[in-house]
Amino acid sequence: MEKQESGTLEKIQQIAIAEFLDKGFRGASLRQIVRNAGVTTGAFYGYFSCKEALFASIVEPHAKALMNKFVDAQLSFSALPSSEKPQHVGVESGEYIDWMVEYVYEHKDPVKLLFSCAEGTSYDNFNHHMVEIEEEATLNYLDELRQMGKDIPALDKSLCHIIASTMFDSIFEIVIHDIPYDEAKRNIKLLREFYSAGWQRLMGQL
């Protein structure tokens, strides 16, 4: 019985993924999902309270994995002694980005829902939350460099936000546009080099 229920749950989720990818959360039809899954409306509500609960059941494990790993990378860098941080710039974040690409391609459809089909759900600002964390970490690191006596130009908070936002948007574009894996890996490597050189320029190191 449990196996049958598990199979029904997975079938509803798989049908829902296709519907959400095709129409986004707002445009997706719960009635169509129920019909295509071959279950009654009553049976559906035995698993999920609403359409958003169904969406959350699909994307939440991936949102949690992506965010937790990202925060861990930030904390790992933050915990380093100040004197060691300049040699680690890009190391922890680069490792996270490489891991993220692998994760995305292992779980492509639900992650694509998270990045590009979540409007109207509590996950709509997922990308923005990552940008805010990156922005704060960047500003803290620049202040730390100044406290060490480094001559770091003043950078507006808004500029740091824009840079972080465009960096993450560039990565998410790879998912949204279904770029082949090998091409995505190559593009990510070039993007990392691009942003690294840009930061060096802004900090007066080029």
Protein backbone atom coordinates (compact mmCIF):
# COMPACT_ATOMS: atom_id res chain seq x y z
CA MET A 1 0.00 0.00 0.00
CA GLU A 2 2.82 2.39 0.94
CA LYS A 3 4.60 1.56 -2.33
CA GLN A 4 1.43 2.37 -4.29
CA GLU A 5 1.02 5.69 -2.46
CA SER A 6 4.66 6.56 -3.09
CA GLY A 7 4.19 5.80 -6.77
CA THR A 8 1.09 7.98 -6.96
CA LEU A 9 2.89 10.84 -5.21
CA GLU A 10 5.83 10.63 -7.60
CA LYS A 11 3.51 10.50 -10.61
CA ILE A 12 1.69 13.66 -9.48
CA GLN A 13 5.02 15.42 -9.00
CA GLN A 14 6.35 14.36 -12.40
CA ILE A 15 3.19 15.51 -14.16
CA ALA A 16 3.35 18.76 -12.19
CA ILE A 17 6.97 19.38 -13.21
CA ALA A 18 5.98 19.24 -16.87
CA GLU A 19 3.00 21.55 -16.30
CA PHE A 20 5.01 24.07 -14.26
CA LEU A 21 7.87 24.09 -16.79
CA ASP A 22 5.42 24.68 -19.60
CA LYS A 23 3.27 27.38 -17.98
CA GLY A 24 5.07 28.58 -14.85
CA PHE A 25 3.51 28.36 -11.41
CA ARG A 26 0.87 31.04 -12.03
CA GLY A 27 -0.28 29.62 -15.35
CA ALA A 28 -0.19 25.95 -14.36
CA SER A 29 -3.59 24.29 -14.05
CA LEU A 30 -4.14 22.15 -10.98
CA ARG A 31 -7.11 20.57 -12.72
CA GLN A 32 -4.89 19.59 -15.65
CA ILE A 33 -2.24 18.14 -13.34
CA VAL A 34 -4.85 16.03 -11.57
CA ARG A 35 -6.34 14.86 -14.87
CA ASN A 36 -2.97 13.99 -16.43
CA ALA A 37 -1.86 12.17 -13.29
CA GLY A 38 -4.98 10.02 -13.43
CA VAL A 39 -6.09 10.74 -9.87
CA THR A 40 -9.23 12.26 -8.42
CA THR A 41 -9.27 15.74 -6.93
CA GLY A 42 -9.98 14.18 -3.55
CA ALA A 43 -6.96 11.91 -3.87
CA PHE A 44 -4.79 14.89 -4.79
CA TYR A 45 -5.81 16.77 -1.67
CA GLY A 46 -4.83 13.73 0.34
CA TYR A 47 -1.24 14.52 -0.65
CA PHE A 48 -1.19 18.30 -1.04
CA SER A 49 -3.23 21.15 0.41
CA CYS A 50 -2.88 23.38 -2.67
CA LYS A 51 -0.93 24.02 -5.85
CA GLU A 52 1.84 25.87 -4.01
CA ALA A 53 2.30 22.97 -1.59
CA LEU A 54 2.80 20.72 -4.61
CA PHE A 55 5.32 23.15 -6.10
CA ALA A 56 7.15 23.36 -2.77
CA SER A 57 7.37 19.57 -2.48
CA ILE A 58 9.27 19.54 -5.77
CA VAL A 59 11.67 22.46 -5.31
CA GLU A 60 12.25 22.66 -1.54
CA PRO A 61 14.86 19.85 -1.29
CA HIS A 62 16.88 21.54 -4.04
CA ALA A 63 16.46 25.06 -2.67
CA LYS A 64 17.68 23.80 0.69
CA ALA A 65 20.67 21.96 -0.81
CA LEU A 66 21.75 24.91 -2.95
CA MET A 67 21.35 27.50 -0.19
CA ASN A 68 22.97 25.42 2.56
CA LYS A 69 26.01 24.69 0.43
CA PHE A 70 26.26 28.36 -0.54
CA VAL A 71 26.09 29.54 3.06
CA ASP A 72 28.68 26.93 4.07
CA ALA A 73 31.08 28.31 1.43
CA GLN A 74 30.54 31.86 2.74
CA LEU A 75 31.09 30.78 6.35
CA SER A 76 34.21 28.82 5.41
CA PHE A 77 35.76 31.93 3.86
CA SER A 78 34.61 34.16 6.71
CA ALA A 79 36.25 31.89 9.30
CA LEU A 80 39.70 32.22 7.72
CA PRO A 81 42.27 34.48 9.40
CA SER A 82 42.30 37.92 7.76
CA SER A 83 45.86 37.44 6.55
CA GLU A 84 44.91 34.30 4.61
CA LYS A 85 41.76 35.60 2.93
CA PRO A 86 43.40 37.38 -0.04
CA GLN A 87 44.92 34.05 -1.14
CA HIS A 88 41.53 32.38 -0.86
CA VAL A 89 39.49 34.87 -2.86
CA GLY A 90 37.49 32.89 -5.38
CA VAL A 91 38.54 29.50 -3.97
CA GLU A 92 35.53 28.67 -1.79
CA SER A 93 33.07 30.46 -4.08
CA GLY A 94 34.61 28.80 -7.13
CA GLU A 95 34.29 25.37 -5.55
CA TYR A 96 30.66 26.13 -4.76
CA ILE A 97 29.92 27.25 -8.31
CA ASP A 98 31.55 24.10 -9.73
CA TRP A 99 29.51 21.99 -7.30
CA MET A 100 26.35 23.91 -8.19
CA VAL A 101 26.77 23.25 -11.91
CA GLU A 102 27.10 19.52 -11.25
CA TYR A 103 24.07 19.61 -8.95
CA VAL A 104 21.99 21.56 -11.43
CA TYR A 105 22.63 19.07 -14.22
CA GLU A 106 21.78 16.16 -11.94
CA HIS A 107 18.45 17.78 -10.96
CA LYS A 108 17.81 20.00 -13.93
CA ASP A 109 14.01 20.19 -14.14
CA PRO A 110 13.21 20.96 -10.48
CA VAL A 111 16.10 23.44 -10.28
CA LYS A 112 14.85 25.13 -13.43
CA LEU A 113 11.46 25.47 -11.74
CA LEU A 114 13.16 27.13 -8.79
CA PHE A 115 15.11 29.60 -10.93
CA SER A 116 12.60 30.52 -13.60
CA CYS A 117 9.07 29.32 -12.81
CA ALA A 118 8.53 30.29 -9.17
CA GLU A 119 6.75 33.63 -9.62
CA GLY A 120 3.76 33.68 -7.30
CA THR A 121 5.34 31.36 -4.71
CA SER A 122 7.50 31.88 -1.64
CA TYR A 123 10.49 30.85 -3.78
CA ASP A 124 10.14 33.83 -6.10
CA ASN A 125 12.98 35.66 -4.31
CA PHE A 126 15.33 32.69 -3.98
CA ASN A 127 17.88 34.21 -6.37
CA HIS A 128 17.62 37.55 -4.58
CA HIS A 129 18.40 35.97 -1.20
CA MET A 130 21.62 34.51 -2.60
CA VAL A 131 22.56 37.90 -4.05
CA GLU A 132 21.98 39.61 -0.70
CA ILE A 133 24.24 37.12 1.08
CA GLU A 134 26.97 37.59 -1.54
CA GLU A 135 26.64 41.38 -1.36
CA GLU A 136 27.00 41.45 2.43
CA ALA A 137 29.97 39.09 2.36
CA THR A 138 31.69 41.22 -0.29
CA LEU A 139 31.22 44.45 1.67
CA ASN A 140 32.49 42.80 4.86
CA TYR A 141 35.58 41.52 3.08
CA LEU A 142 36.36 44.92 1.57
CA ASP A 143 36.08 46.52 5.02
CA GLU A 144 38.38 43.87 6.40
CA LEU A 145 40.97 44.63 3.73
CA ARG A 146 40.82 48.32 4.60
CA GLN A 147 41.34 47.50 8.27
CA MET A 148 44.47 45.60 7.23
CA GLY A 149 45.76 48.81 5.64
CA LYS A 150 44.94 47.93 2.02
CA ASP A 151 44.11 50.85 -0.25
CA ILE A 152 40.68 49.71 -1.45
CA PRO A 153 38.56 52.26 -3.37
CA ALA A 154 35.14 53.07 -1.95
CA LEU A 155 32.48 50.94 -3.63
CA ASP A 156 28.79 51.68 -3.25
CA LYS A 157 26.58 49.01 -1.75
CA SER A 158 24.35 49.34 -4.81
CA LEU A 159 27.27 48.54 -7.11
CA CYS A 160 28.18 45.43 -5.10
CA HIS A 161 24.55 44.35 -5.32
CA ILE A 162 24.47 44.85 -9.09
CA ILE A 163 27.70 42.89 -9.59
CA ALA A 164 26.49 40.01 -7.42
CA SER A 165 23.12 40.03 -9.17
CA THR A 166 24.59 39.92 -12.67
CA MET A 167 26.99 37.15 -11.65
CA PHE A 168 24.21 34.90 -10.36
CA ASP A 169 21.92 35.81 -13.25
CA SER A 170 24.69 34.75 -15.65
CA ILE A 171 24.92 31.37 -13.94
CA PHE A 172 21.15 30.89 -13.83
CA GLU A 173 20.88 31.76 -17.53
CA ILE A 174 22.78 28.57 -18.27
CA VAL A 175 20.00 26.59 -16.58
CA ILE A 176 17.13 28.57 -18.02
CA HIS A 177 18.34 28.17 -21.60
CA ASP A 178 19.19 24.45 -21.36
CA ILE A 179 22.81 24.92 -22.43
CA PRO A 180 24.58 21.54 -22.93
CA TYR A 181 26.69 20.39 -20.00
CA ASP A 182 30.16 20.70 -21.61
CA GLU A 183 29.35 24.15 -22.93
CA ALA A 184 27.99 25.17 -19.53
CA LYS A 185 31.19 24.07 -17.79
CA ARG A 186 33.28 26.04 -20.27
CA ASN A 187 31.09 29.12 -19.93
CA ILE A 188 31.18 28.99 -16.13
CA LYS A 189 34.98 28.86 -16.18
CA LEU A 190 35.11 31.92 -18.44
CA LEU A 191 32.55 33.77 -16.33
CA ARG A 192 34.61 33.17 -13.20
CA GLU A 193 37.70 34.55 -14.94
CA PHE A 194 35.70 37.54 -16.19
CA TYR A 195 34.34 38.51 -12.77
CA SER A 196 37.66 37.84 -11.07
CA ALA A 197 39.45 40.23 -13.43
CA GLY A 198 36.68 42.78 -12.98
CA TRP A 199 37.00 42.74 -9.20
CA GLN A 200 40.77 43.09 -9.44
CA ARG A 201 40.31 46.13 -11.62
CA LEU A 202 37.82 47.72 -9.23
CA MET A 203 40.16 47.09 -6.31
CA GLY A 204 43.07 48.74 -8.11
CA GLN A 205 45.00 45.51 -8.66
CA LEU A 206 45.02 45.69 -12.46
